[in-house]
Amino acid sequence: MAAAEMEILDSEEQLVAFHLAGEIYGVNISLIHEIIRMREITQIPRTNKEIEGVINLRGKIVPILDLRSRLSMPAAERTSETRIIVVEISDCTVGMIVDGVTGVLRMSEDSVELPSKLVSDLETDFIRGVGKSDEQLVILLNMHNVIQIPQI
């Protein structure tokens, strides 16, 4: 492989793209453990409102985060397209409920812009950038900040 081709590959990022409230979001594929269909969630009393509960994923108890609630979006009816994206960050495994998974995108570094101070909340810092893919915009989430659940 030529050096120029390697350079292009190094500056590209693979993202899992998903729908949430009519917009497309992206998470780096290296953080994704798996994507599963919606299933019954066991509610845990007195947990943060953003935590739906837990599921048993092949013997491991995984907390499930309502991503709409976490991002201060209105609740929506769950459909056959609703999925749970299971992410792993620093020995922490969390499932996130999303409206539907679009697929995998490749995005180059130069097609991503940092969020404007006008649209980003410095207190939450959930968005690490907005990428341009074909004719659509993809909101890139900062998963380290998204899964940090505040205490009750």
Protein backbone atom coordinates (compact mmCIF):
# COMPACT_ATOMS: atom_id res chain seq x y z
CA MET A 1 0.00 0.00 0.00
CA ALA A 2 1.36 3.41 -0.93
CA ALA A 3 2.22 5.92 1.80
CA ALA A 4 -0.46 8.31 0.54
CA GLU A 5 -3.12 5.59 0.82
CA MET A 6 -2.01 4.74 4.37
CA GLU A 7 -2.22 8.41 5.29
CA ILE A 8 -5.81 8.57 4.02
CA LEU A 9 -6.77 5.47 6.01
CA ASP A 10 -5.18 6.90 9.18
CA SER A 11 -7.22 10.10 8.88
CA GLU A 12 -10.49 8.23 8.45
CA GLU A 13 -12.80 7.15 11.22
CA GLN A 14 -15.39 4.40 11.09
CA LEU A 15 -18.65 5.25 12.80
CA VAL A 16 -21.80 3.39 13.66
CA ALA A 17 -24.58 5.73 12.56
CA PHE A 18 -28.01 5.75 14.17
CA HIS A 19 -31.23 7.77 14.22
CA LEU A 20 -32.42 9.68 17.24
CA ALA A 21 -35.26 12.20 17.09
CA GLY A 22 -34.99 12.54 13.31
CA GLU A 23 -31.24 13.27 13.27
CA ILE A 24 -28.27 11.05 12.49
CA TYR A 25 -25.69 10.48 15.20
CA GLY A 26 -22.38 8.65 15.07
CA VAL A 27 -20.21 6.75 17.54
CA ASN A 28 -16.72 5.47 16.83
CA ILE A 29 -17.02 1.80 15.90
CA SER A 30 -14.15 0.85 18.22
CA LEU A 31 -16.39 1.65 21.22
CA ILE A 32 -19.25 -0.59 20.06
CA HIS A 33 -19.46 -4.01 21.67
CA GLU A 34 -22.63 -5.03 19.85
CA ILE A 35 -26.04 -3.90 18.63
CA ILE A 36 -29.10 -5.81 19.80
CA ARG A 37 -32.85 -5.66 19.32
CA MET A 38 -34.94 -4.02 22.01
CA ARG A 39 -35.75 -6.44 24.79
CA GLU A 40 -37.40 -6.43 28.18
CA ILE A 41 -35.57 -4.20 30.62
CA THR A 42 -35.65 -4.82 34.36
CA GLN A 43 -36.26 -1.57 36.19
CA ILE A 44 -34.15 -0.80 39.24
CA PRO A 45 -35.80 1.37 41.92
CA ARG A 46 -34.37 4.79 42.75
CA THR A 47 -31.95 4.97 39.82
CA ASN A 48 -31.33 8.09 37.78
CA LYS A 49 -34.23 8.87 35.41
CA GLU A 50 -31.92 8.42 32.43
CA ILE A 51 -31.32 4.77 33.32
CA GLU A 52 -34.14 2.55 32.02
CA GLY A 53 -32.89 -0.40 34.04
CA VAL A 54 -30.69 -3.41 33.31
CA ILE A 55 -30.60 -6.41 30.98
CA ASN A 56 -28.87 -9.76 31.20
CA LEU A 57 -26.53 -9.93 28.21
CA ARG A 58 -25.11 -13.46 28.12
CA GLY A 59 -24.63 -13.56 31.87
CA LYS A 60 -23.46 -9.96 32.30
CA ILE A 61 -25.76 -7.36 33.85
CA VAL A 62 -25.70 -4.26 31.62
CA PRO A 63 -27.30 -0.91 32.56
CA ILE A 64 -29.46 0.59 29.83
CA LEU A 65 -29.35 4.32 29.19
CA ASP A 66 -32.26 6.14 27.55
CA LEU A 67 -30.21 8.26 25.15
CA ARG A 68 -33.16 10.53 24.35
CA SER A 69 -33.52 11.38 28.03
CA ARG A 70 -29.75 11.81 28.43
CA LEU A 71 -29.69 14.30 25.56
CA SER A 72 -32.80 16.14 26.88
CA MET A 73 -35.02 15.00 24.01
CA PRO A 74 -38.70 14.14 24.28
CA ALA A 75 -39.61 10.48 24.75
CA ALA A 76 -40.77 8.52 21.71
CA GLU A 77 -42.65 5.31 21.14
CA ARG A 78 -40.45 2.27 20.69
CA THR A 79 -40.80 0.53 17.33
CA SER A 80 -39.47 -2.59 15.61
CA GLU A 81 -36.51 -0.44 14.50
CA THR A 82 -35.52 0.52 18.07
CA ARG A 83 -32.15 -0.91 19.04
CA ILE A 84 -29.78 -1.06 21.99
CA ILE A 85 -26.20 -0.14 21.15
CA VAL A 86 -23.87 -1.67 23.72
CA VAL A 87 -20.71 0.37 24.21
CA GLU A 88 -17.59 -0.40 26.23
CA ILE A 89 -15.42 2.39 27.56
CA SER A 90 -12.75 1.93 30.24
CA ASP A 91 -14.17 -1.34 31.60
CA CYS A 92 -17.65 0.18 31.66
CA THR A 93 -20.35 -1.52 29.56
CA VAL A 94 -23.57 0.41 28.93
CA GLY A 95 -26.44 -0.09 26.51
CA MET A 96 -28.01 2.96 24.82
CA ILE A 97 -31.52 2.94 23.40
CA VAL A 98 -31.66 4.51 19.91
CA ASP A 99 -34.50 4.90 17.40
CA GLY A 100 -32.75 2.81 14.75
CA VAL A 101 -29.31 1.93 13.40
CA THR A 102 -28.40 3.24 9.93
CA GLY A 103 -25.11 1.40 9.38
CA VAL A 104 -21.39 2.04 9.28
CA LEU A 105 -19.94 5.25 7.83
CA ARG A 106 -16.39 6.22 7.00
CA MET A 107 -15.63 9.84 7.72
CA SER A 108 -12.40 11.70 7.11
CA GLU A 109 -11.00 14.07 9.72
CA ASP A 110 -11.32 17.05 7.40
CA SER A 111 -15.09 16.52 7.04
CA VAL A 112 -15.63 16.98 10.81
CA GLU A 113 -16.06 20.39 12.41
CA LEU A 114 -16.04 21.20 16.10
CA PRO A 115 -19.42 22.24 17.47
CA SER A 116 -19.99 25.96 17.57
CA LYS A 117 -20.11 27.58 21.01
CA LEU A 118 -23.56 28.83 20.03
CA VAL A 119 -24.97 25.29 19.82
CA SER A 120 -22.89 23.38 22.34
CA ASP A 121 -23.53 23.38 26.06
CA LEU A 122 -20.21 23.72 27.84
CA GLU A 123 -21.69 22.01 30.89
CA THR A 124 -22.52 18.76 29.11
CA ASP A 125 -20.06 18.59 26.21
CA PHE A 126 -21.77 15.53 24.67
CA ILE A 127 -21.00 16.51 21.06
CA ARG A 128 -17.43 16.22 19.82
CA GLY A 129 -18.19 17.44 16.31
CA VAL A 130 -20.48 17.46 13.29
CA GLY A 131 -19.43 15.52 10.23
CA LYS A 132 -20.50 15.86 6.63
CA SER A 133 -21.25 12.59 4.86
CA ASP A 134 -22.61 12.93 1.32
CA GLU A 135 -25.58 15.28 1.69
CA GLN A 136 -26.24 14.62 5.37
CA LEU A 137 -24.86 15.88 8.66
CA VAL A 138 -23.81 13.40 11.33
CA ILE A 139 -23.61 14.50 14.96
CA LEU A 140 -20.61 12.81 16.56
CA LEU A 141 -21.06 11.99 20.23
CA ASN A 142 -18.36 12.20 22.88
CA MET A 143 -19.19 8.85 24.49
CA HIS A 144 -16.91 9.36 27.49
CA ASN A 145 -19.11 12.29 28.54
CA VAL A 146 -22.42 10.73 27.45
CA ILE A 147 -22.10 7.67 29.68
CA GLN A 148 -20.96 9.55 32.78
CA ILE A 149 -24.22 9.32 34.70
CA PRO A 150 -24.77 11.99 37.34
CA GLN A 151 -25.58 10.83 40.87
CA ILE A 152 -29.17 10.98 42.14
